[in-house]
All heavy atoms as atom14 arrays in JSON, in Angstrom:
{
  "sequence": "GKEREGVVCISSSGDTTTHVDSVKGRFIISRDNAKNSVYLQMNNLKP",
  "atom14_mask": [
    [1, 1, 1, 1, 0, 0, 0, 0, 0, 0, 0, 0, 0, 0],
    [1, 1, 1, 1, 1, 1, 1, 1, 1, 0, 0, 0, 0, 0],
    [1, 1, 1, 1, 1, 1, 1, 1, 1, 0, 0, 0, 0, 0],
    [1, 1, 1, 1, 1, 1, 1, 1, 1, 1, 1, 0, 0, 0],
    [1, 1, 1, 1, 1, 1, 1, 1, 1, 0, 0, 0, 0, 0],
    [1, 1, 1, 1, 0, 0, 0, 0, 0, 0, 0, 0, 0, 0],
    [1, 1, 1, 1, 1, 1, 1, 0, 0, 0, 0, 0, 0, 0],
    [1, 1, 1, 1, 1, 1, 1, 0, 0, 0, 0, 0, 0, 0],
    [1, 1, 1, 1, 1, 1, 0, 0, 0, 0, 0, 0, 0, 0],
    [1, 1, 1, 1, 1, 1, 1, 1, 0, 0, 0, 0, 0, 0],
    [1, 1, 1, 1, 1, 1, 0, 0, 0, 0, 0, 0, 0, 0],
    [1, 1, 1, 1, 1, 1, 0, 0, 0, 0, 0, 0, 0, 0],
    [1, 1, 1, 1, 1, 1, 0, 0, 0, 0, 0, 0, 0, 0],
    [1, 1, 1, 1, 0, 0, 0, 0, 0, 0, 0, 0, 0, 0],
    [1, 1, 1, 1, 1, 1, 1, 1, 0, 0, 0, 0, 0, 0],
    [1, 1, 1, 1, 1, 1, 1, 0, 0, 0, 0, 0, 0, 0],
    [1, 1, 1, 1, 1, 1, 1, 0, 0, 0, 0, 0, 0, 0],
    [1, 1, 1, 1, 1, 1, 1, 0, 0, 0, 0, 0, 0, 0],
    [1, 1, 1, 1, 1, 1, 1, 1, 1, 1, 0, 0, 0, 0],
    [1, 1, 1, 1, 1, 1, 1, 0, 0, 0, 0, 0, 0, 0],
    [1, 1, 1, 1, 1, 1, 1, 1, 0, 0, 0, 0, 0, 0],
    [1, 1, 1, 1, 1, 1, 0, 0, 0, 0, 0, 0, 0, 0],
    [1, 1, 1, 1, 1, 1, 1, 0, 0, 0, 0, 0, 0, 0],
    [1, 1, 1, 1, 1, 1, 1, 1, 1, 0, 0, 0, 0, 0],
    [1, 1, 1, 1, 0, 0, 0, 0, 0, 0, 0, 0, 0, 0],
    [1, 1, 1, 1, 1, 1, 1, 1, 1, 1, 1, 0, 0, 0],
    [1, 1, 1, 1, 1, 1, 1, 1, 1, 1, 1, 0, 0, 0],
    [1, 1, 1, 1, 1, 1, 1, 1, 0, 0, 0, 0, 0, 0],
    [1, 1, 1, 1, 1, 1, 1, 1, 0, 0, 0, 0, 0, 0],
    [1, 1, 1, 1, 1, 1, 0, 0, 0, 0, 0, 0, 0, 0],
    [1, 1, 1, 1, 1, 1, 1, 1, 1, 1, 1, 0, 0, 0],
    [1, 1, 1, 1, 1, 1, 1, 1, 0, 0, 0, 0, 0, 0],
    [1, 1, 1, 1, 1, 1, 1, 1, 0, 0, 0, 0, 0, 0],
    [1, 1, 1, 1, 1, 0, 0, 0, 0, 0, 0, 0, 0, 0],
    [1, 1, 1, 1, 1, 1, 1, 1, 1, 0, 0, 0, 0, 0],
    [1, 1, 1, 1, 1, 1, 1, 1, 0, 0, 0, 0, 0, 0],
    [1, 1, 1, 1, 1, 1, 0, 0, 0, 0, 0, 0, 0, 0],
    [1, 1, 1, 1, 1, 1, 1, 0, 0, 0, 0, 0, 0, 0],
    [1, 1, 1, 1, 1, 1, 1, 1, 1, 1, 1, 1, 0, 0],
    [1, 1, 1, 1, 1, 1, 1, 1, 0, 0, 0, 0, 0, 0],
    [1, 1, 1, 1, 1, 1, 1, 1, 1, 0, 0, 0, 0, 0],
    [1, 1, 1, 1, 1, 1, 1, 1, 0, 0, 0, 0, 0, 0],
    [1, 1, 1, 1, 1, 1, 1, 1, 0, 0, 0, 0, 0, 0],
    [1, 1, 1, 1, 1, 1, 1, 1, 0, 0, 0, 0, 0, 0],
    [1, 1, 1, 1, 1, 1, 1, 1, 0, 0, 0, 0, 0, 0],
    [1, 1, 1, 1, 1, 1, 1, 1, 1, 0, 0, 0, 0, 0],
    [1, 1, 1, 1, 1, 1, 1, 0, 0, 0, 0, 0, 0, 0]
  ],
  "atom14_positions": [
    [[0.77, -1.23, 0.0], [0.0, 0.0, 0.0], [0.81, 1.28, 0.0], [0.23, 2.38, 0.08], [0.0, 0.0, 0.0], [0.0, 0.0, 0.0], [0.0, 0.0, 0.0], [0.0, 0.0, 0.0], [0.0, 0.0, 0.0], [0.0, 0.0, 0.0], [0.0, 0.0, 0.0], [0.0, 0.0, 0.0], [0.0, 0.0, 0.0], [0.0, 0.0, 0.0]],
    [[2.13, 1.14, -0.09], [2.99, 2.33, -0.07], [3.82, 2.42, -1.36], [4.01, 1.44, -2.05], [3.91, 2.31, 1.15], [3.18, 2.41, 2.47], [4.15, 2.57, 3.62], [3.42, 2.77, 4.94], [4.36, 2.96, 6.06], [0.0, 0.0, 0.0], [0.0, 0.0, 0.0], [0.0, 0.0, 0.0], [0.0, 0.0, 0.0], [0.0, 0.0, 0.0]],
    [[4.31, 3.61, -1.6], [5.17, 3.81, -2.77], [6.57, 3.25, -2.5], [6.99, 3.12, -1.35], [5.26, 5.3, -3.1], [3.96, 5.9, -3.59], [4.13, 7.32, -4.07], [5.24, 7.87, -3.96], [3.14, 7.89, -4.58], [0.0, 0.0, 0.0], [0.0, 0.0, 0.0], [0.0, 0.0, 0.0], [0.0, 0.0, 0.0], [0.0, 0.0, 0.0]],
    [[7.27, 2.95, -3.6], [8.64, 2.49, -3.47], [9.5, 3.63, -2.89], [9.39, 4.77, -3.32], [9.18, 2.04, -4.82], [10.49, 1.33, -4.75], [10.83, 0.63, -6.06], [9.87, -0.42, -6.37], [10.03, -1.3, -7.35], [11.11, -1.24, -8.13], [9.12, -2.22, -7.58], [0.0, 0.0, 0.0], [0.0, 0.0, 0.0], [0.0, 0.0, 0.0]],
    [[10.36, 3.28, -1.96], [11.16, 4.26, -1.22], [12.64, 3.94, -1.36], [13.05, 2.78, -1.2], [10.76, 4.19, 0.27], [11.62, 5.01, 1.19], [11.32, 4.75, 2.65], [11.13, 3.58, 3.02], [11.3, 5.73, 3.43], [0.0, 0.0, 0.0], [0.0, 0.0, 0.0], [0.0, 0.0, 0.0], [0.0, 0.0, 0.0], [0.0, 0.0, 0.0]],
    [[13.43, 4.97, -1.65], [14.87, 4.8, -1.65], [15.38, 4.67, -0.23], [15.09, 5.52, 0.61], [0.0, 0.0, 0.0], [0.0, 0.0, 0.0], [0.0, 0.0, 0.0], [0.0, 0.0, 0.0], [0.0, 0.0, 0.0], [0.0, 0.0, 0.0], [0.0, 0.0, 0.0], [0.0, 0.0, 0.0], [0.0, 0.0, 0.0], [0.0, 0.0, 0.0]],
    [[16.11, 3.61, 0.05], [16.62, 3.35, 1.4], [18.06, 3.84, 1.56], [18.37, 4.59, 2.48], [16.53, 1.84, 1.71], [17.11, 1.54, 3.08], [15.08, 1.37, 1.62], [0.0, 0.0, 0.0], [0.0, 0.0, 0.0], [0.0, 0.0, 0.0], [0.0, 0.0, 0.0], [0.0, 0.0, 0.0], [0.0, 0.0, 0.0], [0.0, 0.0, 0.0]],
    [[18.91, 3.39, 0.66], [20.32, 3.76, 0.74], [20.95, 3.53, -0.61], [20.51, 2.65, -1.36], [21.04, 2.94, 1.84], [20.99, 1.46, 1.56], [22.47, 3.4, 2.04], [0.0, 0.0, 0.0], [0.0, 0.0, 0.0], [0.0, 0.0, 0.0], [0.0, 0.0, 0.0], [0.0, 0.0, 0.0], [0.0, 0.0, 0.0], [0.0, 0.0, 0.0]],
    [[21.93, 4.33, -0.95], [22.63, 4.15, -2.23], [24.12, 4.34, -2.03], [24.57, 4.89, -1.01], [22.1, 5.11, -3.29], [22.39, 6.85, -2.94], [0.0, 0.0, 0.0], [0.0, 0.0, 0.0], [0.0, 0.0, 0.0], [0.0, 0.0, 0.0], [0.0, 0.0, 0.0], [0.0, 0.0, 0.0], [0.0, 0.0, 0.0], [0.0, 0.0, 0.0]],
    [[24.89, 3.87, -3.01], [26.34, 4.0, -2.98], [26.8, 4.36, -4.39], [26.33, 3.78, -5.38], [27.01, 2.71, -2.46], [28.51, 2.89, -2.3], [26.69, 1.5, -3.35], [29.17, 1.76, -1.5], [0.0, 0.0, 0.0], [0.0, 0.0, 0.0], [0.0, 0.0, 0.0], [0.0, 0.0, 0.0], [0.0, 0.0, 0.0], [0.0, 0.0, 0.0]],
    [[27.7, 5.33, -4.47], [28.19, 5.78, -5.77], [29.08, 4.71, -6.4], [29.54, 3.79, -5.73], [28.96, 7.09, -5.61], [30.09, 6.89, -4.77], [0.0, 0.0, 0.0], [0.0, 0.0, 0.0], [0.0, 0.0, 0.0], [0.0, 0.0, 0.0], [0.0, 0.0, 0.0], [0.0, 0.0, 0.0], [0.0, 0.0, 0.0], [0.0, 0.0, 0.0]],
    [[29.36, 4.87, -7.69], [30.19, 3.88, -8.36], [31.61, 3.86, -7.79], [32.25, 2.81, -7.77], [30.22, 4.15, -9.87], [30.75, 5.43, -10.14], [0.0, 0.0, 0.0], [0.0, 0.0, 0.0], [0.0, 0.0, 0.0], [0.0, 0.0, 0.0], [0.0, 0.0, 0.0], [0.0, 0.0, 0.0], [0.0, 0.0, 0.0], [0.0, 0.0, 0.0]],
    [[32.09, 4.99, -7.31], [33.42, 5.04, -6.69], [33.44, 4.39, -5.32], [34.5, 4.05, -4.81], [33.87, 6.49, -6.55], [33.09, 7.17, -5.6], [0.0, 0.0, 0.0], [0.0, 0.0, 0.0], [0.0, 0.0, 0.0], [0.0, 0.0, 0.0], [0.0, 0.0, 0.0], [0.0, 0.0, 0.0], [0.0, 0.0, 0.0], [0.0, 0.0, 0.0]],
    [[32.26, 4.27, -4.72], [32.17, 3.75, -3.35], [32.41, 4.82, -2.29], [32.3, 4.53, -1.1], [0.0, 0.0, 0.0], [0.0, 0.0, 0.0], [0.0, 0.0, 0.0], [0.0, 0.0, 0.0], [0.0, 0.0, 0.0], [0.0, 0.0, 0.0], [0.0, 0.0, 0.0], [0.0, 0.0, 0.0], [0.0, 0.0, 0.0], [0.0, 0.0, 0.0]],
    [[32.7, 6.04, -2.74], [33.05, 7.08, -1.77], [31.83, 7.72, -1.11], [31.94, 8.33, -0.05], [33.85, 8.19, -2.47], [35.23, 7.71, -2.89], [35.73, 6.76, -2.27], [35.8, 8.29, -3.82], [0.0, 0.0, 0.0], [0.0, 0.0, 0.0], [0.0, 0.0, 0.0], [0.0, 0.0, 0.0], [0.0, 0.0, 0.0], [0.0, 0.0, 0.0]],
    [[30.69, 7.64, -1.77], [29.5, 8.35, -1.3], [28.37, 7.38, -1.03], [28.08, 6.51, -1.86], [29.03, 9.37, -2.35], [30.09, 10.29, -2.62], [27.8, 10.11, -1.86], [0.0, 0.0, 0.0], [0.0, 0.0, 0.0], [0.0, 0.0, 0.0], [0.0, 0.0, 0.0], [0.0, 0.0, 0.0], [0.0, 0.0, 0.0], [0.0, 0.0, 0.0]],
    [[27.76, 7.51, 0.13], [26.54, 6.79, 0.44], [25.5, 7.78, 0.94], [25.85, 8.81, 1.54], [26.75, 5.7, 1.49], [27.21, 6.3, 2.71], [27.78, 4.67, 1.03], [0.0, 0.0, 0.0], [0.0, 0.0, 0.0], [0.0, 0.0, 0.0], [0.0, 0.0, 0.0], [0.0, 0.0, 0.0], [0.0, 0.0, 0.0], [0.0, 0.0, 0.0]],
    [[24.26, 7.48, 0.68], [23.15, 8.33, 1.1], [22.07, 7.44, 1.7], [21.68, 6.45, 1.09], [22.58, 9.12, -0.08], [23.61, 9.93, -0.66], [21.44, 10.03, 0.38], [0.0, 0.0, 0.0], [0.0, 0.0, 0.0], [0.0, 0.0, 0.0], [0.0, 0.0, 0.0], [0.0, 0.0, 0.0], [0.0, 0.0, 0.0], [0.0, 0.0, 0.0]],
    [[21.6, 7.81, 2.89], [20.6, 7.02, 3.59], [19.33, 7.84, 3.8], [19.4, 9.04, 4.08], [21.1, 6.6, 4.97], [22.32, 5.74, 4.97], [23.56, 6.22, 4.64], [22.48, 4.43, 5.27], [24.45, 5.24, 4.74], [23.82, 4.14, 5.12], [0.0, 0.0, 0.0], [0.0, 0.0, 0.0], [0.0, 0.0, 0.0], [0.0, 0.0, 0.0]],
    [[18.2, 7.18, 3.73], [16.97, 7.81, 4.19], [17.05, 7.93, 5.71], [17.68, 7.1, 6.38], [15.74, 6.99, 3.73], [15.67, 5.66, 4.45], [14.47, 7.78, 3.91], [0.0, 0.0, 0.0], [0.0, 0.0, 0.0], [0.0, 0.0, 0.0], [0.0, 0.0, 0.0], [0.0, 0.0, 0.0], [0.0, 0.0, 0.0], [0.0, 0.0, 0.0]],
    [[16.47, 8.97, 6.26], [16.62, 9.25, 7.7], [16.21, 8.08, 8.59], [16.83, 7.83, 9.63], [15.81, 10.48, 8.09], [16.44, 11.78, 7.59], [17.63, 11.74, 7.19], [15.75, 12.81, 7.61], [0.0, 0.0, 0.0], [0.0, 0.0, 0.0], [0.0, 0.0, 0.0], [0.0, 0.0, 0.0], [0.0, 0.0, 0.0], [0.0, 0.0, 0.0]],
    [[15.2, 7.35, 8.19], [14.65, 6.3, 9.05], [15.6, 5.13, 9.25], [15.38, 4.31, 10.15], [13.33, 5.8, 8.48], [13.51, 5.26, 7.19], [0.0, 0.0, 0.0], [0.0, 0.0, 0.0], [0.0, 0.0, 0.0], [0.0, 0.0, 0.0], [0.0, 0.0, 0.0], [0.0, 0.0, 0.0], [0.0, 0.0, 0.0], [0.0, 0.0, 0.0]],
    [[16.65, 5.01, 8.44], [17.57, 3.88, 8.57], [18.97, 4.3, 8.96], [19.85, 3.45, 9.14], [17.63, 3.03, 7.28], [16.23, 2.6, 6.85], [18.35, 3.77, 6.16], [0.0, 0.0, 0.0], [0.0, 0.0, 0.0], [0.0, 0.0, 0.0], [0.0, 0.0, 0.0], [0.0, 0.0, 0.0], [0.0, 0.0, 0.0], [0.0, 0.0, 0.0]],
    [[19.2, 5.58, 9.11], [20.54, 6.06, 9.49], [20.96, 5.45, 10.82], [20.18, 5.41, 11.78], [20.54, 7.58, 9.57], [20.56, 8.26, 8.21], [20.6, 9.78, 8.34], [20.63, 10.43, 6.97], [20.62, 11.91, 7.06], [0.0, 0.0, 0.0], [0.0, 0.0, 0.0], [0.0, 0.0, 0.0], [0.0, 0.0, 0.0], [0.0, 0.0, 0.0]],
    [[22.2, 4.97, 10.85], [22.71, 4.34, 12.06], [22.33, 2.88, 12.21], [22.81, 2.21, 13.13], [0.0, 0.0, 0.0], [0.0, 0.0, 0.0], [0.0, 0.0, 0.0], [0.0, 0.0, 0.0], [0.0, 0.0, 0.0], [0.0, 0.0, 0.0], [0.0, 0.0, 0.0], [0.0, 0.0, 0.0], [0.0, 0.0, 0.0], [0.0, 0.0, 0.0]],
    [[21.48, 2.38, 11.32], [21.05, 0.98, 11.4], [21.4, 0.17, 10.15], [21.73, -1.01, 10.25], [19.54, 0.91, 11.6], [19.04, 1.59, 12.86], [17.57, 1.27, 13.13], [16.68, 1.77, 12.07], [15.85, 1.0, 11.38], [15.79, -0.3, 11.62], [15.07, 1.52, 10.45], [0.0, 0.0, 0.0], [0.0, 0.0, 0.0], [0.0, 0.0, 0.0]],
    [[21.32, 0.78, 8.99], [21.57, 0.08, 7.72], [22.91, 0.54, 7.14], [23.23, 1.72, 7.15], [20.47, 0.38, 6.71], [19.14, -0.25, 7.0], [18.83, -0.81, 8.23], [18.16, -0.27, 6.01], [17.61, -1.39, 8.48], [16.92, -0.84, 6.24], [16.65, -1.39, 7.48], [0.0, 0.0, 0.0], [0.0, 0.0, 0.0], [0.0, 0.0, 0.0]],
    [[23.63, -0.42, 6.59], [24.94, -0.13, 5.98], [24.98, -0.76, 4.6], [24.73, -1.97, 4.45], [26.09, -0.69, 6.83], [26.05, -0.11, 8.25], [27.43, -0.39, 6.17], [26.98, -0.79, 9.21], [0.0, 0.0, 0.0], [0.0, 0.0, 0.0], [0.0, 0.0, 0.0], [0.0, 0.0, 0.0], [0.0, 0.0, 0.0], [0.0, 0.0, 0.0]],
    [[25.31, 0.04, 3.61], [25.47, -0.47, 2.25], [26.96, -0.64, 1.96], [27.78, 0.16, 2.4], [24.81, 0.46, 1.21], [24.81, -0.18, -0.18], [25.5, 1.83, 1.18], [23.99, 0.59, -1.21], [0.0, 0.0, 0.0], [0.0, 0.0, 0.0], [0.0, 0.0, 0.0], [0.0, 0.0, 0.0], [0.0, 0.0, 0.0], [0.0, 0.0, 0.0]],
    [[27.29, -1.69, 1.23], [28.67, -1.89, 0.81], [28.67, -2.58, -0.55], [27.66, -3.16, -0.95], [29.44, -2.72, 1.84], [28.87, -4.0, 1.99], [0.0, 0.0, 0.0], [0.0, 0.0, 0.0], [0.0, 0.0, 0.0], [0.0, 0.0, 0.0], [0.0, 0.0, 0.0], [0.0, 0.0, 0.0], [0.0, 0.0, 0.0], [0.0, 0.0, 0.0]],
    [[29.78, -2.5, -1.23], [29.87, -3.14, -2.54], [31.21, -3.85, -2.67], [32.22, -3.43, -2.09], [29.7, -2.1, -3.66], [30.75, -1.02, -3.71], [30.36, 0.07, -4.73], [30.26, -0.47, -6.08], [29.58, 0.11, -7.07], [28.96, 1.25, -6.86], [29.56, -0.45, -8.27], [0.0, 0.0, 0.0], [0.0, 0.0, 0.0], [0.0, 0.0, 0.0]],
    [[31.2, -4.92, -3.42], [32.41, -5.67, -3.74], [32.43, -5.8, -5.25], [31.76, -6.66, -5.83], [32.37, -7.03, -3.05], [33.65, -7.83, -3.24], [34.4, -7.53, -4.21], [33.9, -8.75, -2.45], [0.0, 0.0, 0.0], [0.0, 0.0, 0.0], [0.0, 0.0, 0.0], [0.0, 0.0, 0.0], [0.0, 0.0, 0.0], [0.0, 0.0, 0.0]],
    [[33.21, -4.94, -5.89], [33.22, -4.92, -7.35], [33.81, -6.2, -7.94], [33.44, -6.61, -9.04], [33.97, -3.69, -7.86], [33.26, -2.41, -7.55], [32.03, -2.37, -7.4], [34.01, -1.32, -7.44], [0.0, 0.0, 0.0], [0.0, 0.0, 0.0], [0.0, 0.0, 0.0], [0.0, 0.0, 0.0], [0.0, 0.0, 0.0], [0.0, 0.0, 0.0]],
    [[34.72, -6.81, -7.22], [35.32, -8.05, -7.72], [34.3, -9.18, -7.82], [34.45, -10.1, -8.62], [36.47, -8.47, -6.82], [0.0, 0.0, 0.0], [0.0, 0.0, 0.0], [0.0, 0.0, 0.0], [0.0, 0.0, 0.0], [0.0, 0.0, 0.0], [0.0, 0.0, 0.0], [0.0, 0.0, 0.0], [0.0, 0.0, 0.0], [0.0, 0.0, 0.0]],
    [[33.25, -9.07, -6.99], [32.2, -10.09, -6.98], [30.92, -9.59, -7.64], [29.89, -10.27, -7.56], [31.91, -10.53, -5.55], [33.08, -11.23, -4.88], [32.73, -11.68, -3.47], [33.89, -12.42, -2.81], [33.57, -12.86, -1.44], [0.0, 0.0, 0.0], [0.0, 0.0, 0.0], [0.0, 0.0, 0.0], [0.0, 0.0, 0.0], [0.0, 0.0, 0.0]],
    [[30.97, -8.4, -8.25], [29.76, -7.83, -8.86], [28.59, -7.84, -7.89], [27.46, -8.21, -8.25], [29.38, -8.58, -10.14], [30.2, -8.15, -11.34], [31.13, -7.38, -11.22], [29.84, -8.66, -12.5], [0.0, 0.0, 0.0], [0.0, 0.0, 0.0], [0.0, 0.0, 0.0], [0.0, 0.0, 0.0], [0.0, 0.0, 0.0], [0.0, 0.0, 0.0]],
    [[28.86, -7.43, -6.66], [27.86, -7.55, -5.61], [27.7, -6.26, -4.82], [28.63, -5.46, -4.7], [28.23, -8.67, -4.64], [28.23, -9.93, -5.28], [0.0, 0.0, 0.0], [0.0, 0.0, 0.0], [0.0, 0.0, 0.0], [0.0, 0.0, 0.0], [0.0, 0.0, 0.0], [0.0, 0.0, 0.0], [0.0, 0.0, 0.0], [0.0, 0.0, 0.0]],
    [[26.51, -6.08, -4.29], [26.22, -5.01, -3.35], [25.44, -5.63, -2.2], [24.64, -6.56, -2.41], [25.45, -3.85, -4.01], [24.11, -4.29, -4.59], [25.29, -2.68, -3.06], [0.0, 0.0, 0.0], [0.0, 0.0, 0.0], [0.0, 0.0, 0.0], [0.0, 0.0, 0.0], [0.0, 0.0, 0.0], [0.0, 0.0, 0.0], [0.0, 0.0, 0.0]],
    [[25.68, -5.13, -1.01], [25.1, -5.71, 0.19], [24.36, -4.64, 0.99], [24.7, -3.46, 0.94], [26.2, -6.33, 1.06], [27.08, -7.3, 0.31], [28.33, -6.91, -0.16], [26.67, -8.61, 0.07], [29.15, -7.78, -0.85], [27.48, -9.49, -0.63], [28.72, -9.07, -1.08], [29.51, -9.95, -1.79], [0.0, 0.0, 0.0], [0.0, 0.0, 0.0]],
    [[23.39, -5.09, 1.76], [22.7, -4.22, 2.7], [22.65, -4.92, 4.04], [21.93, -5.91, 4.21], [21.28, -3.89, 2.22], [20.5, -2.95, 3.12], [21.19, -1.59, 3.22], [19.06, -2.78, 2.61], [0.0, 0.0, 0.0], [0.0, 0.0, 0.0], [0.0, 0.0, 0.0], [0.0, 0.0, 0.0], [0.0, 0.0, 0.0], [0.0, 0.0, 0.0]],
    [[23.45, -4.43, 4.97], [23.44, -4.94, 6.34], [22.39, -4.15, 7.11], [22.49, -2.92, 7.22], [24.81, -4.77, 6.99], [24.86, -5.23, 8.44], [24.68, -6.73, 8.59], [25.23, -7.52, 7.84], [23.88, -7.12, 9.58], [0.0, 0.0, 0.0], [0.0, 0.0, 0.0], [0.0, 0.0, 0.0], [0.0, 0.0, 0.0], [0.0, 0.0, 0.0]],
    [[21.41, -4.85, 7.61], [20.3, -4.2, 8.33], [20.34, -4.64, 9.78], [20.19, -5.84, 10.07], [18.96, -4.57, 7.69], [18.9, -4.25, 6.21], [17.27, -4.51, 5.5], [17.13, -6.28, 5.64], [0.0, 0.0, 0.0], [0.0, 0.0, 0.0], [0.0, 0.0, 0.0], [0.0, 0.0, 0.0], [0.0, 0.0, 0.0], [0.0, 0.0, 0.0]],
    [[20.52, -3.7, 10.68], [20.61, -3.97, 12.11], [19.45, -3.3, 12.84], [18.86, -2.34, 12.34], [21.94, -3.45, 12.65], [23.14, -4.1, 11.98], [23.15, -5.31, 11.73], [24.14, -3.3, 11.68], [0.0, 0.0, 0.0], [0.0, 0.0, 0.0], [0.0, 0.0, 0.0], [0.0, 0.0, 0.0], [0.0, 0.0, 0.0], [0.0, 0.0, 0.0]],
    [[19.19, -3.8, 14.04], [18.13, -3.23, 14.87], [16.83, -3.05, 14.06], [16.24, -1.96, 14.05], [18.58, -1.9, 15.47], [17.63, -1.38, 16.53], [16.86, -2.13, 17.11], [17.67, -0.07, 16.76], [0.0, 0.0, 0.0], [0.0, 0.0, 0.0], [0.0, 0.0, 0.0], [0.0, 0.0, 0.0], [0.0, 0.0, 0.0], [0.0, 0.0, 0.0]],
    [[16.43, -4.1, 13.41], [15.27, -4.02, 12.54], [13.99, -3.74, 13.32], [13.82, -4.18, 14.47], [15.12, -5.3, 11.74], [16.09, -5.38, 10.56], [16.28, -6.83, 10.12], [15.6, -4.54, 9.4], [0.0, 0.0, 0.0], [0.0, 0.0, 0.0], [0.0, 0.0, 0.0], [0.0, 0.0, 0.0], [0.0, 0.0, 0.0], [0.0, 0.0, 0.0]],
    [[13.1, -2.99, 12.68], [11.84, -2.59, 13.28], [10.69, -3.1, 12.41], [10.87, -3.31, 11.2], [11.77, -1.06, 13.36], [12.93, -0.44, 14.14], [12.85, 1.08, 14.11], [14.01, 1.69, 14.87], [13.95, 3.17, 14.89], [0.0, 0.0, 0.0], [0.0, 0.0, 0.0], [0.0, 0.0, 0.0], [0.0, 0.0, 0.0], [0.0, 0.0, 0.0]],
    [[9.51, -3.26, 12.98], [8.38, -3.73, 12.17], [8.12, -2.84, 10.95], [7.71, -3.35, 9.9], [7.21, -3.66, 13.16], [7.85, -3.91, 14.49], [9.18, -3.21, 14.42], [0.0, 0.0, 0.0], [0.0, 0.0, 0.0], [0.0, 0.0, 0.0], [0.0, 0.0, 0.0], [0.0, 0.0, 0.0], [0.0, 0.0, 0.0], [0.0, 0.0, 0.0]]
  ]
}
């Protein structure tokens, strides 16, 4: 019932990340270019 929301992003250089306020301090984005992968570590999850 809700619109799609941007949670967190990471630039191609990996130098810049941007978080929506509701996940700051809880969610961490990272990327491993050698594995063509991006990860989202989510801590202290809420309903």
